[in-house]
Amino acid sequence: MPCKSCLVLELQFDIQLKGHRNLSLMEKVVHHFKRRGFLLSVKDDYFIIQESGVREFVDFCHDYMDLAQVYFRFDNSTWQPITEVEPILEMKWIDEVIRKKSVISYSQPIVDANEEIYAYEILSRFPREDGSLIYPNEIFTAARSRGRLYALDRICRMAAVSYSAVLKKKTFINFIPTSIYSPEFCLQTTVQLANQLGIDPNQFVFEVVESDKVDDIEHLKSILNYYKQKGFQYALDDVGEGYNTLEMLADLKPQYMKLDIKYVQGVSGNSEKQAVAKQFLAKAFEVNAISLAEGIESRADFEWLKENGYQLFQGYLFGKPSMHPQRKL
């Protein structure tokens, strides 16, 4: 059976009451939600209701309960004050985005030192009904808050793999390792789709995003090993923050390492950024990874990075993300 994070279901909220006043009302509250069809079950010190009943419960709490002693959680998260539930309810729209698979793939060229297109990074965009786009940060924040991060990450990966079929070049696809429970289960549909489309696995480079949030390196290694076994390559970003030792990088064995935009923009005139960029490059050489600088907007920065040994480059200087692949500079 699929894990519930892979599906788009109505959330279930655990509600915990504390304090004499609140506990004295628990029987009436449970009876009310049972009658209304929202109650799922009653445990030792809490009850479980469907999301559709939570707003009604919050309204009741405001009028009759001690709010400071009412708590909620969902998906086995930590208990939080009921006053914190409103933002989660307001972000229910993300469920519809996932259900409809409302994602469009854009591509941005990655070039070599001769300014020839070497690969593309695929970026996900999310259209509203009026044609405007929802910012990715807003989308992923909403998904994270509602426990829908895997479901969103999955539809983005699947859309990107499908889009790769028209690119005919190496393709960088982002994925969030903290959203994946088991690579053998959660990533098998990605592998199956690539096989169905007849795309050489070597065309794909799966890029780990949010590297600074990866605290379970063994779990990350299991994911990367799974990709490697299937013939895919992978890239690490934020190496200076998420992977701070050479031993760790050598253990992960990335084929590509990306220098973050904050060290790229202005590097040609900033000695501190130059020091970081050189240190990064030395690490890449030591683990035999290809170095890639992202976020390049000025030719001065590009020339400095190229002269100092960087191999691949990405940024507005060479092309902005576009729904239609840029075939030449």
C-alpha atoms as a PDB file:
ATOM      1  CA  MET A   1       0.000   0.000   0.000  1.00  0.00           C
ATOM      2  CA  PRO A   2       1.413   3.463  -0.895  1.00  0.00           C
ATOM      3  CA  CYS A   3       2.476   5.698   1.977  1.00  0.00           C
ATOM      4  CA  LYS A   4      -0.110   8.405   2.603  1.00  0.00           C
ATOM      5  CA  SER A   5       2.426  11.117   1.821  1.00  0.00           C
ATOM      6  CA  CYS A   6       2.300   9.928  -1.806  1.00  0.00           C
ATOM      7  CA  LEU A   7      -1.450  10.528  -1.988  1.00  0.00           C
ATOM      8  CA  VAL A   8      -3.645  13.600  -1.802  1.00  0.00           C
ATOM      9  CA  LEU A   9      -6.054  12.934   1.038  1.00  0.00           C
ATOM     10  CA  GLU A  10      -7.937  15.088   3.517  1.00  0.00           C
ATOM     11  CA  LEU A  11      -5.715  15.630   6.520  1.00  0.00           C
ATOM     12  CA  GLN A  12      -6.555  14.021   9.838  1.00  0.00           C
ATOM     13  CA  PHE A  13      -5.916  16.083  12.956  1.00  0.00           C
ATOM     14  CA  ASP A  14      -5.180  14.780  16.434  1.00  0.00           C
ATOM     15  CA  ILE A  15      -6.729  17.086  19.047  1.00  0.00           C
ATOM     16  CA  GLN A  16      -5.498  17.079  22.630  1.00  0.00           C
ATOM     17  CA  LEU A  17      -7.270  18.885  25.485  1.00  0.00           C
ATOM     18  CA  LYS A  18      -5.681  19.831  28.788  1.00  0.00           C
ATOM     19  CA  GLY A  19      -6.945  21.643  31.851  1.00  0.00           C
ATOM     20  CA  HIS A  20     -10.081  21.022  33.927  1.00  0.00           C
ATOM     21  CA  ARG A  21     -12.379  23.269  31.861  1.00  0.00           C
ATOM     22  CA  ASN A  22     -11.379  21.768  28.518  1.00  0.00           C
ATOM     23  CA  LEU A  23     -11.477  18.172  29.731  1.00  0.00           C
ATOM     24  CA  SER A  24     -14.938  18.696  31.199  1.00  0.00           C
ATOM     25  CA  LEU A  25     -16.179  19.498  27.675  1.00  0.00           C
ATOM     26  CA  MET A  26     -14.428  16.631  25.893  1.00  0.00           C
ATOM     27  CA  GLU A  27     -17.376  14.236  26.007  1.00  0.00           C
ATOM     28  CA  LYS A  28     -19.693  16.840  24.471  1.00  0.00           C
ATOM     29  CA  VAL A  29     -17.147  17.746  21.787  1.00  0.00           C
ATOM     30  CA  VAL A  30     -16.552  14.109  20.843  1.00  0.00           C
ATOM     31  CA  HIS A  31     -20.304  13.455  20.700  1.00  0.00           C
ATOM     32  CA  HIS A  32     -20.846  16.517  18.518  1.00  0.00           C
ATOM     33  CA  PHE A  33     -18.184  15.554  15.962  1.00  0.00           C
ATOM     34  CA  LYS A  34     -19.389  11.968  15.906  1.00  0.00           C
ATOM     35  CA  ARG A  35     -22.887  13.211  15.088  1.00  0.00           C
ATOM     36  CA  ARG A  36     -21.538  15.540  12.396  1.00  0.00           C
ATOM     37  CA  GLY A  37     -19.513  12.765  10.787  1.00  0.00           C
ATOM     38  CA  PHE A  38     -16.099  14.350  11.449  1.00  0.00           C
ATOM     39  CA  LEU A  39     -14.906  12.101  14.276  1.00  0.00           C
ATOM     40  CA  LEU A  40     -12.520   9.312  13.280  1.00  0.00           C
ATOM     41  CA  SER A  41     -11.514   7.821  16.619  1.00  0.00           C
ATOM     42  CA  VAL A  42     -10.862   8.511  20.288  1.00  0.00           C
ATOM     43  CA  LYS A  43      -7.541   7.627  21.945  1.00  0.00           C
ATOM     44  CA  ASP A  44      -6.422   7.725  25.572  1.00  0.00           C
ATOM     45  CA  ASP A  45      -5.742  11.464  25.788  1.00  0.00           C
ATOM     46  CA  TYR A  46      -6.806  12.828  22.391  1.00  0.00           C
ATOM     47  CA  PHE A  47      -9.322  12.400  19.589  1.00  0.00           C
ATOM     48  CA  ILE A  48      -8.945  12.435  15.824  1.00  0.00           C
ATOM     49  CA  ILE A  49     -11.131  14.469  13.470  1.00  0.00           C
ATOM     50  CA  GLN A  50     -11.154  15.172   9.754  1.00  0.00           C
ATOM     51  CA  GLU A  51      -9.787  18.474   8.484  1.00  0.00           C
ATOM     52  CA  SER A  52     -13.269  19.538   7.403  1.00  0.00           C
ATOM     53  CA  GLY A  53     -14.248  19.721  11.073  1.00  0.00           C
ATOM     54  CA  VAL A  54     -11.234  21.634  12.358  1.00  0.00           C
ATOM     55  CA  ARG A  55     -12.449  25.166  11.625  1.00  0.00           C
ATOM     56  CA  GLU A  56     -15.704  24.440  13.409  1.00  0.00           C
ATOM     57  CA  PHE A  57     -13.741  23.127  16.371  1.00  0.00           C
ATOM     58  CA  VAL A  58     -11.516  26.235  16.459  1.00  0.00           C
ATOM     59  CA  ASP A  59     -14.600  28.473  16.465  1.00  0.00           C
ATOM     60  CA  PHE A  60     -15.976  26.517  19.427  1.00  0.00           C
ATOM     61  CA  CYS A  61     -12.622  26.784  21.233  1.00  0.00           C
ATOM     62  CA  HIS A  62     -12.633  30.574  20.906  1.00  0.00           C
ATOM     63  CA  ASP A  63     -16.023  30.779  22.600  1.00  0.00           C
ATOM     64  CA  TYR A  64     -15.925  28.090  25.258  1.00  0.00           C
ATOM     65  CA  MET A  65     -12.440  26.686  25.861  1.00  0.00           C
ATOM     66  CA  ASP A  66      -9.087  27.735  27.233  1.00  0.00           C
ATOM     67  CA  LEU A  67      -7.158  28.105  23.951  1.00  0.00           C
ATOM     68  CA  ALA A  68      -3.814  27.966  25.721  1.00  0.00           C
ATOM     69  CA  GLN A  69      -4.492  24.331  26.640  1.00  0.00           C
ATOM     70  CA  VAL A  70      -5.724  22.985  23.293  1.00  0.00           C
ATOM     71  CA  TYR A  71      -3.179  21.316  20.990  1.00  0.00           C
ATOM     72  CA  PHE A  72      -3.121  19.664  17.576  1.00  0.00           C
ATOM     73  CA  ARG A  73      -0.861  17.609  15.366  1.00  0.00           C
ATOM     74  CA  PHE A  74      -1.090  15.688  12.094  1.00  0.00           C
ATOM     75  CA  ASP A  75       0.978  13.055  10.353  1.00  0.00           C
ATOM     76  CA  ASN A  76       2.704  12.228  13.659  1.00  0.00           C
ATOM     77  CA  SER A  77       4.231  15.691  13.902  1.00  0.00           C
ATOM     78  CA  THR A  78       4.908  17.395  17.229  1.00  0.00           C
ATOM     79  CA  TRP A  79       2.030  18.865  19.217  1.00  0.00           C
ATOM     80  CA  GLN A  80       1.355  22.547  18.517  1.00  0.00           C
ATOM     81  CA  PRO A  81      -1.017  25.127  20.044  1.00  0.00           C
ATOM     82  CA  ILE A  82      -4.376  25.158  18.265  1.00  0.00           C
ATOM     83  CA  THR A  83      -3.773  28.849  17.534  1.00  0.00           C
ATOM     84  CA  GLU A  84      -1.121  27.725  15.013  1.00  0.00           C
ATOM     85  CA  VAL A  85      -3.502  25.635  12.886  1.00  0.00           C
ATOM     86  CA  GLU A  86      -4.945  28.420  10.723  1.00  0.00           C
ATOM     87  CA  PRO A  87      -1.995  28.731   8.257  1.00  0.00           C
ATOM     88  CA  ILE A  88      -2.176  24.984   7.604  1.00  0.00           C
ATOM     89  CA  LEU A  89      -5.891  25.177   6.840  1.00  0.00           C
ATOM     90  CA  GLU A  90      -5.360  28.179   4.571  1.00  0.00           C
ATOM     91  CA  MET A  91      -2.805  26.234   2.501  1.00  0.00           C
ATOM     92  CA  LYS A  92      -5.274  23.512   1.536  1.00  0.00           C
ATOM     93  CA  TRP A  93      -5.067  24.838  -2.047  1.00  0.00           C
ATOM     94  CA  ILE A  94      -1.789  22.925  -2.477  1.00  0.00           C
ATOM     95  CA  ASP A  95      -3.776  19.666  -2.434  1.00  0.00           C
ATOM     96  CA  GLU A  96      -5.626  20.779  -5.574  1.00  0.00           C
ATOM     97  CA  VAL A  97      -2.352  21.688  -7.310  1.00  0.00           C
ATOM     98  CA  ILE A  98      -1.095  18.166  -6.637  1.00  0.00           C
ATOM     99  CA  ARG A  99      -4.369  16.468  -7.552  1.00  0.00           C
ATOM    100  CA  LYS A 100      -4.513  18.257 -10.903  1.00  0.00           C
ATOM    101  CA  LYS A 101      -0.743  17.914 -11.433  1.00  0.00           C
ATOM    102  CA  SER A 102      -0.671  21.628 -12.196  1.00  0.00           C
ATOM    103  CA  VAL A 103       3.027  21.855 -12.995  1.00  0.00           C
ATOM    104  CA  ILE A 104       4.807  23.088 -16.120  1.00  0.00           C
ATOM    105  CA  SER A 105       8.459  22.320 -16.812  1.00  0.00           C
ATOM    106  CA  TYR A 106      10.811  25.108 -17.849  1.00  0.00           C
ATOM    107  CA  SER A 107      14.434  24.649 -18.889  1.00  0.00           C
ATOM    108  CA  GLN A 108      17.558  26.780 -18.487  1.00  0.00           C
ATOM    109  CA  PRO A 109      20.755  26.070 -20.443  1.00  0.00           C
ATOM    110  CA  ILE A 110      23.998  25.008 -18.790  1.00  0.00           C
ATOM    111  CA  VAL A 111      27.038  25.840 -20.922  1.00  0.00           C
ATOM    112  CA  ASP A 112      30.687  24.816 -21.089  1.00  0.00           C
ATOM    113  CA  ALA A 113      33.724  27.090 -21.212  1.00  0.00           C
ATOM    114  CA  ASN A 114      33.187  27.625 -24.959  1.00  0.00           C
ATOM    115  CA  GLU A 115      29.626  28.826 -24.263  1.00  0.00           C
ATOM    116  CA  GLU A 116      28.105  25.833 -25.978  1.00  0.00           C
ATOM    117  CA  ILE A 117      25.036  24.214 -24.431  1.00  0.00           C
ATOM    118  CA  TYR A 118      26.123  21.169 -22.454  1.00  0.00           C
ATOM    119  CA  ALA A 119      22.890  20.426 -20.563  1.00  0.00           C
ATOM    120  CA  TYR A 120      19.644  21.890 -19.247  1.00  0.00           C
ATOM    121  CA  GLU A 121      18.300  22.256 -15.746  1.00  0.00           C
ATOM    122  CA  ILE A 122      14.575  21.642 -15.549  1.00  0.00           C
ATOM    123  CA  LEU A 123      12.667  23.993 -13.257  1.00  0.00           C
ATOM    124  CA  SER A 124       9.073  23.542 -12.139  1.00  0.00           C
ATOM    125  CA  ARG A 125       6.514  26.328 -12.513  1.00  0.00           C
ATOM    126  CA  PHE A 126       2.951  26.315 -11.203  1.00  0.00           C
ATOM    127  CA  PRO A 127       0.223  28.180 -13.156  1.00  0.00           C
ATOM    128  CA  ARG A 128      -2.885  29.691 -11.623  1.00  0.00           C
ATOM    129  CA  GLU A 129      -6.178  29.629 -13.499  1.00  0.00           C
ATOM    130  CA  ASP A 130      -5.637  33.254 -14.591  1.00  0.00           C
ATOM    131  CA  GLY A 131      -2.330  32.319 -16.212  1.00  0.00           C
ATOM    132  CA  SER A 132      -0.052  33.856 -13.593  1.00  0.00           C
ATOM    133  CA  LEU A 133       2.525  31.706 -11.820  1.00  0.00           C
ATOM    134  CA  ILE A 134       2.787  30.745  -8.168  1.00  0.00           C
ATOM    135  CA  TYR A 135       6.318  31.201  -6.880  1.00  0.00           C
ATOM    136  CA  PRO A 136       8.105  27.896  -6.143  1.00  0.00           C
ATOM    137  CA  ASN A 137       8.985  29.041  -2.629  1.00  0.00           C
ATOM    138  CA  GLU A 138       5.281  29.576  -1.877  1.00  0.00           C
ATOM    139  CA  ILE A 139       4.391  26.188  -3.336  1.00  0.00           C
ATOM    140  CA  PHE A 140       6.979  24.174  -1.427  1.00  0.00           C
ATOM    141  CA  THR A 141       6.326  26.049   1.815  1.00  0.00           C
ATOM    142  CA  ALA A 142       2.638  25.137   1.543  1.00  0.00           C
ATOM    143  CA  ALA A 143       3.437  21.503   0.733  1.00  0.00           C
ATOM    144  CA  ARG A 144       5.829  21.222   3.652  1.00  0.00           C
ATOM    145  CA  SER A 145       3.337  22.714   6.102  1.00  0.00           C
ATOM    146  CA  ARG A 146       0.626  20.204   5.112  1.00  0.00           C
ATOM    147  CA  GLY A 147       2.815  17.106   4.846  1.00  0.00           C
ATOM    148  CA  ARG A 148       2.512  17.056   1.044  1.00  0.00           C
ATOM    149  CA  LEU A 149       6.190  17.539   0.207  1.00  0.00           C
ATOM    150  CA  TYR A 150       6.705  14.081  -1.282  1.00  0.00           C
ATOM    151  CA  ALA A 151       3.563  14.260  -3.417  1.00  0.00           C
ATOM    152  CA  LEU A 152       4.634  17.636  -4.839  1.00  0.00           C
ATOM    153  CA  ASP A 153       8.240  16.571  -5.332  1.00  0.00           C
ATOM    154  CA  ARG A 154       7.039  13.477  -7.175  1.00  0.00           C
ATOM    155  CA  ILE A 155       4.816  15.262  -9.712  1.00  0.00           C
ATOM    156  CA  CYS A 156       7.654  17.714 -10.405  1.00  0.00           C
ATOM    157  CA  ARG A 157      10.126  14.875 -11.003  1.00  0.00           C
ATOM    158  CA  MET A 158       7.720  12.995 -13.255  1.00  0.00           C
ATOM    159  CA  ALA A 159       6.937  16.123 -15.302  1.00  0.00           C
ATOM    160  CA  ALA A 160      10.662  16.830 -15.628  1.00  0.00           C
ATOM    161  CA  VAL A 161      11.420  13.310 -16.852  1.00  0.00           C
ATOM    162  CA  SER A 162       8.682  13.610 -19.485  1.00  0.00           C
ATOM    163  CA  TYR A 163      10.021  17.005 -20.569  1.00  0.00           C
ATOM    164  CA  SER A 164      13.516  15.519 -20.887  1.00  0.00           C
ATOM    165  CA  ALA A 165      12.380  13.449 -23.849  1.00  0.00           C
ATOM    166  CA  VAL A 166      12.361  16.566 -26.064  1.00  0.00           C
ATOM    167  CA  LEU A 167      15.670  18.002 -24.873  1.00  0.00           C
ATOM    168  CA  LYS A 168      18.000  15.331 -26.277  1.00  0.00           C
ATOM    169  CA  LYS A 169      20.767  16.512 -23.934  1.00  0.00           C
ATOM    170  CA  LYS A 170      21.883  15.903 -20.396  1.00  0.00           C
ATOM    171  CA  THR A 171      19.167  17.022 -17.997  1.00  0.00           C
ATOM    172  CA  PHE A 172      19.478  18.216 -14.393  1.00  0.00           C
ATOM    173  CA  ILE A 173      16.380  17.418 -12.318  1.00  0.00           C
ATOM    174  CA  ASN A 174      15.938  18.640  -8.749  1.00  0.00           C
ATOM    175  CA  PHE A 175      14.691  16.416  -5.962  1.00  0.00           C
ATOM    176  CA  ILE A 176      14.270  16.824  -2.205  1.00  0.00           C
ATOM    177  CA  PRO A 177      15.884  13.909  -0.335  1.00  0.00           C
ATOM    178  CA  THR A 178      14.146  14.678   2.957  1.00  0.00           C
ATOM    179  CA  SER A 179      10.784  13.961   1.286  1.00  0.00           C
ATOM    180  CA  ILE A 180      11.692  10.404   0.282  1.00  0.00           C
ATOM    181  CA  TYR A 181      10.850   7.562   2.641  1.00  0.00           C
ATOM    182  CA  SER A 182      12.390   4.657   0.719  1.00  0.00           C
ATOM    183  CA  PRO A 183      14.241   5.035  -2.602  1.00  0.00           C
ATOM    184  CA  GLU A 184      13.285   1.528  -3.730  1.00  0.00           C
ATOM    185  CA  PHE A 185       9.618   2.403  -3.396  1.00  0.00           C
ATOM    186  CA  CYS A 186       9.359   6.171  -3.813  1.00  0.00           C
ATOM    187  CA  LEU A 187      11.668   6.483  -6.835  1.00  0.00           C
ATOM    188  CA  GLN A 188      10.648   3.414  -8.820  1.00  0.00           C
ATOM    189  CA  THR A 189       8.016   5.313 -10.833  1.00  0.00           C
ATOM    190  CA  THR A 190      10.685   7.811 -11.915  1.00  0.00           C
ATOM    191  CA  VAL A 191      12.851   4.980 -13.203  1.00  0.00           C
ATOM    192  CA  GLN A 192       9.906   3.268 -14.893  1.00  0.00           C
ATOM    193  CA  LEU A 193       8.887   6.447 -16.736  1.00  0.00           C
ATOM    194  CA  ALA A 194      12.410   7.025 -18.023  1.00  0.00           C
ATOM    195  CA  ASN A 195      12.490   3.454 -19.300  1.00  0.00           C
ATOM    196  CA  GLN A 196       9.077   3.801 -20.932  1.00  0.00           C
ATOM    197  CA  LEU A 197      10.226   6.940 -22.766  1.00  0.00           C
ATOM    198  CA  GLY A 198      13.381   5.178 -23.926  1.00  0.00           C
ATOM    199  CA  ILE A 199      15.703   7.784 -22.424  1.00  0.00           C
ATOM    200  CA  ASP A 200      19.270   6.739 -21.672  1.00  0.00           C
ATOM    201  CA  PRO A 201      19.690   6.933 -17.872  1.00  0.00           C
ATOM    202  CA  ASN A 202      23.036   8.668 -18.411  1.00  0.00           C
ATOM    203  CA  GLN A 203      21.080  11.679 -19.723  1.00  0.00           C
ATOM    204  CA  PHE A 204      19.751  12.416 -16.223  1.00  0.00           C
ATOM    205  CA  VAL A 205      21.528  14.213 -13.412  1.00  0.00           C
ATOM    206  CA  PHE A 206      19.427  14.230 -10.252  1.00  0.00           C
ATOM    207  CA  GLU A 207      20.312  17.272  -8.220  1.00  0.00           C
ATOM    208  CA  VAL A 208      19.999  17.251  -4.445  1.00  0.00           C
ATOM    209  CA  VAL A 209      18.353  20.474  -3.291  1.00  0.00           C
ATOM    210  CA  GLU A 210      18.145  21.801   0.259  1.00  0.00           C
ATOM    211  CA  SER A 211      21.485  20.179   1.001  1.00  0.00           C
ATOM    212  CA  ASP A 212      21.874  22.194   4.190  1.00  0.00           C
ATOM    213  CA  LYS A 213      18.780  20.440   5.594  1.00  0.00           C
ATOM    214  CA  VAL A 214      20.094  16.912   5.043  1.00  0.00           C
ATOM    215  CA  ASP A 215      21.054  15.609   8.470  1.00  0.00           C
ATOM    216  CA  ASP A 216      20.680  11.893   7.702  1.00  0.00           C
ATOM    217  CA  ILE A 217      23.620  11.293   5.397  1.00  0.00           C
ATOM    218  CA  GLU A 218      23.087   7.519   5.384  1.00  0.00           C
ATOM    219  CA  HIS A 219      19.568   8.021   4.037  1.00  0.00           C
ATOM    220  CA  LEU A 220      20.913  10.369   1.354  1.00  0.00           C
ATOM    221  CA  LYS A 221      23.559   7.788   0.421  1.00  0.00           C
ATOM    222  CA  SER A 222      20.869   5.121   0.007  1.00  0.00           C
ATOM    223  CA  ILE A 223      19.003   7.393  -2.411  1.00  0.00           C
ATOM    224  CA  LEU A 224      22.103   8.263  -4.428  1.00  0.00           C
ATOM    225  CA  ASN A 225      23.180   4.617  -4.538  1.00  0.00           C
ATOM    226  CA  TYR A 226      19.758   3.686  -5.879  1.00  0.00           C
ATOM    227  CA  TYR A 227      20.072   6.257  -8.672  1.00  0.00           C
ATOM    228  CA  LYS A 228      23.608   5.095  -9.415  1.00  0.00           C
ATOM    229  CA  GLN A 229      22.472   1.461  -9.676  1.00  0.00           C
ATOM    230  CA  LYS A 230      19.878   2.526 -12.240  1.00  0.00           C
ATOM    231  CA  GLY A 231      22.493   4.305 -14.362  1.00  0.00           C
ATOM    232  CA  PHE A 232      21.693   7.896 -13.388  1.00  0.00           C
ATOM    233  CA  GLN A 233      24.139  10.568 -12.290  1.00  0.00           C
ATOM    234  CA  TYR A 234      23.693  13.084  -9.486  1.00  0.00           C
ATOM    235  CA  ALA A 235      24.803  16.524  -8.376  1.00  0.00           C
ATOM    236  CA  LEU A 236      25.206  18.206  -4.999  1.00  0.00           C
ATOM    237  CA  ASP A 237      24.557  21.877  -4.339  1.00  0.00           C
ATOM    238  CA  ASP A 238      25.464  24.105  -1.367  1.00  0.00           C
ATOM    239  CA  VAL A 239      28.533  21.961  -0.837  1.00  0.00           C
ATOM    240  CA  GLY A 240      30.132  24.505   1.459  1.00  0.00           C
ATOM    241  CA  GLU A 241      27.158  24.279   3.827  1.00  0.00           C
ATOM    242  CA  GLY A 242      25.579  20.854   3.563  1.00  0.00           C
ATOM    243  CA  TYR A 243      28.771  18.790   3.186  1.00  0.00           C
ATOM    244  CA  ASN A 244      31.565  20.386   5.118  1.00  0.00           C
ATOM    245  CA  THR A 245      34.229  17.671   4.943  1.00  0.00           C
ATOM    246  CA  LEU A 246      36.176  16.248   2.062  1.00  0.00           C
ATOM    247  CA  GLU A 247      35.704  12.752   3.513  1.00  0.00           C
ATOM    248  CA  MET A 248      31.926  13.115   3.289  1.00  0.00           C
ATOM    249  CA  LEU A 249      32.105  14.280  -0.316  1.00  0.00           C
ATOM    250  CA  ALA A 250      34.427  11.416  -1.249  1.00  0.00           C
ATOM    251  CA  ASP A 251      31.957   9.018   0.355  1.00  0.00           C
ATOM    252  CA  LEU A 252      28.991  10.430  -1.591  1.00  0.00           C
ATOM    253  CA  LYS A 253      30.965  10.481  -4.880  1.00  0.00           C
ATOM    254  CA  PRO A 254      28.938  13.131  -6.769  1.00  0.00           C
ATOM    255  CA  GLN A 255      29.488  13.441 -10.501  1.00  0.00           C
ATOM    256  CA  TYR A 256      28.735  17.187 -10.339  1.00  0.00           C
ATOM    257  CA  MET A 257      29.098  19.883  -7.669  1.00  0.00           C
ATOM    258  CA  LYS A 258      27.323  23.246  -7.951  1.00  0.00           C
ATOM    259  CA  LEU A 259      28.735  26.451  -6.514  1.00  0.00           C
ATOM    260  CA  ASP A 260      25.875  28.453  -5.010  1.00  0.00           C
ATOM    261  CA  ILE A 261      24.775  31.750  -6.523  1.00  0.00           C
ATOM    262  CA  LYS A 262      25.781  33.752  -3.429  1.00  0.00           C
ATOM    263  CA  TYR A 263      29.441  32.915  -4.094  1.00  0.00           C
ATOM    264  CA  VAL A 264      29.130  33.401  -7.860  1.00  0.00           C
ATOM    265  CA  GLN A 265      27.569  36.824  -8.274  1.00  0.00           C
ATOM    266  CA  GLY A 266      30.264  39.454  -7.822  1.00  0.00           C
ATOM    267  CA  VAL A 267      33.052  36.899  -7.434  1.00  0.00           C
ATOM    268  CA  SER A 268      35.281  38.717  -9.918  1.00  0.00           C
ATOM    269  CA  GLY A 269      35.640  41.661  -7.532  1.00  0.00           C
ATOM    270  CA  ASN A 270      35.280  40.053  -4.103  1.00  0.00           C
ATOM    271  CA  SER A 271      38.281  38.382  -2.483  1.00  0.00           C
ATOM    272  CA  GLU A 272      36.189  36.518   0.114  1.00  0.00           C
ATOM    273  CA  LYS A 273      33.970  34.970  -2.571  1.00  0.00           C
ATOM    274  CA  GLN A 274      37.050  34.141  -4.608  1.00  0.00           C
ATOM    275  CA  ALA A 275      38.522  32.250  -1.661  1.00  0.00           C
ATOM    276  CA  VAL A 276      35.323  30.191  -1.266  1.00  0.00           C
ATOM    277  CA  ALA A 277      35.128  29.523  -5.013  1.00  0.00           C
ATOM    278  CA  LYS A 278      38.734  28.296  -5.100  1.00  0.00           C
ATOM    279  CA  GLN A 279      38.228  26.092  -2.053  1.00  0.00           C
ATOM    280  CA  PHE A 280      35.091  24.636  -3.635  1.00  0.00           C
ATOM    281  CA  LEU A 281      36.943  23.942  -6.886  1.00  0.00           C
ATOM    282  CA  ALA A 282      39.746  22.179  -5.039  1.00  0.00           C
ATOM    283  CA  LYS A 283      37.193  19.902  -3.358  1.00  0.00           C
ATOM    284  CA  ALA A 284      35.556  19.125  -6.690  1.00  0.00           C
ATOM    285  CA  PHE A 285      38.899  18.161  -8.238  1.00  0.00           C
ATOM    286  CA  GLU A 286      39.794  15.967  -5.261  1.00  0.00           C
ATOM    287  CA  VAL A 287      36.604  13.909  -5.529  1.00  0.00           C
ATOM    288  CA  ASN A 288      36.716  13.924  -9.345  1.00  0.00           C
ATOM    289  CA  ALA A 289      33.468  15.900  -9.704  1.00  0.00           C
ATOM    290  CA  ILE A 290      32.643  18.341 -12.479  1.00  0.00           C
ATOM    291  CA  SER A 291      32.341  21.900 -11.165  1.00  0.00           C
ATOM    292  CA  LEU A 292      29.331  24.013 -12.098  1.00  0.00           C
ATOM    293  CA  ALA A 293      28.790  27.674 -11.172  1.00  0.00           C
ATOM    294  CA  GLU A 294      25.158  28.831 -11.122  1.00  0.00           C
ATOM    295  CA  GLY A 295      23.587  32.278 -11.137  1.00  0.00           C
ATOM    296  CA  ILE A 296      26.029  33.959 -13.519  1.00  0.00           C
ATOM    297  CA  GLU A 297      24.764  37.315 -14.736  1.00  0.00           C
ATOM    298  CA  SER A 298      27.940  39.233 -15.587  1.00  0.00           C
ATOM    299  CA  ARG A 299      30.655  38.400 -18.086  1.00  0.00           C
ATOM    300  CA  ALA A 300      33.323  39.460 -15.600  1.00  0.00           C
ATOM    301  CA  ASP A 301      32.216  36.753 -13.168  1.00  0.00           C
ATOM    302  CA  PHE A 302      32.060  34.185 -15.970  1.00  0.00           C
ATOM    303  CA  GLU A 303      35.574  35.017 -17.148  1.00  0.00           C
ATOM    304  CA  TRP A 304      37.008  34.836 -13.627  1.00  0.00           C
ATOM    305  CA  LEU A 305      35.373  31.463 -12.945  1.00  0.00           C
ATOM    306  CA  LYS A 306      36.466  30.077 -16.309  1.00  0.00           C
ATOM    307  CA  GLU A 307      40.056  31.260 -15.882  1.00  0.00           C
ATOM    308  CA  ASN A 308      40.217  29.662 -12.461  1.00  0.00           C
ATOM    309  CA  GLY A 309      39.152  26.260 -13.726  1.00  0.00           C
ATOM    310  CA  TYR A 310      35.362  25.998 -13.532  1.00  0.00           C
ATOM    311  CA  GLN A 311      33.963  23.701 -16.196  1.00  0.00           C
ATOM    312  CA  LEU A 312      30.215  24.409 -16.463  1.00  0.00           C
ATOM    313  CA  PHE A 313      28.165  27.587 -16.092  1.00  0.00           C
ATOM    314  CA  GLN A 314      24.528  28.548 -15.662  1.00  0.00           C
ATOM    315  CA  GLY A 315      22.732  31.869 -15.341  1.00  0.00           C
ATOM    316  CA  TYR A 316      20.894  34.711 -17.045  1.00  0.00           C
ATOM    317  CA  LEU A 317      24.059  35.604 -18.969  1.00  0.00           C
ATOM    318  CA  PHE A 318      23.423  32.522 -21.100  1.00  0.00           C
ATOM    319  CA  GLY A 319      19.644  32.247 -20.918  1.00  0.00           C
ATOM    320  CA  LYS A 320      16.644  32.533 -18.634  1.00  0.00           C
ATOM    321  CA  PRO A 321      14.312  29.638 -17.778  1.00  0.00           C
ATOM    322  CA  SER A 322      11.850  29.116 -20.620  1.00  0.00           C
ATOM    323  CA  MET A 323       8.978  26.786 -21.438  1.00  0.00           C
ATOM    324  CA  HIS A 324      10.565  26.198 -24.841  1.00  0.00           C
ATOM    325  CA  PRO A 325      14.151  24.866 -24.813  1.00  0.00           C
ATOM    326  CA  GLN A 326      16.811  27.350 -25.871  1.00  0.00           C
ATOM    327  CA  ARG A 327      18.768  25.569 -28.580  1.00  0.00           C
ATOM    328  CA  LYS A 328      21.662  28.018 -29.027  1.00  0.00           C
ATOM    329  CA  LEU A 329      23.117  31.143 -27.422  1.00  0.00           C
END
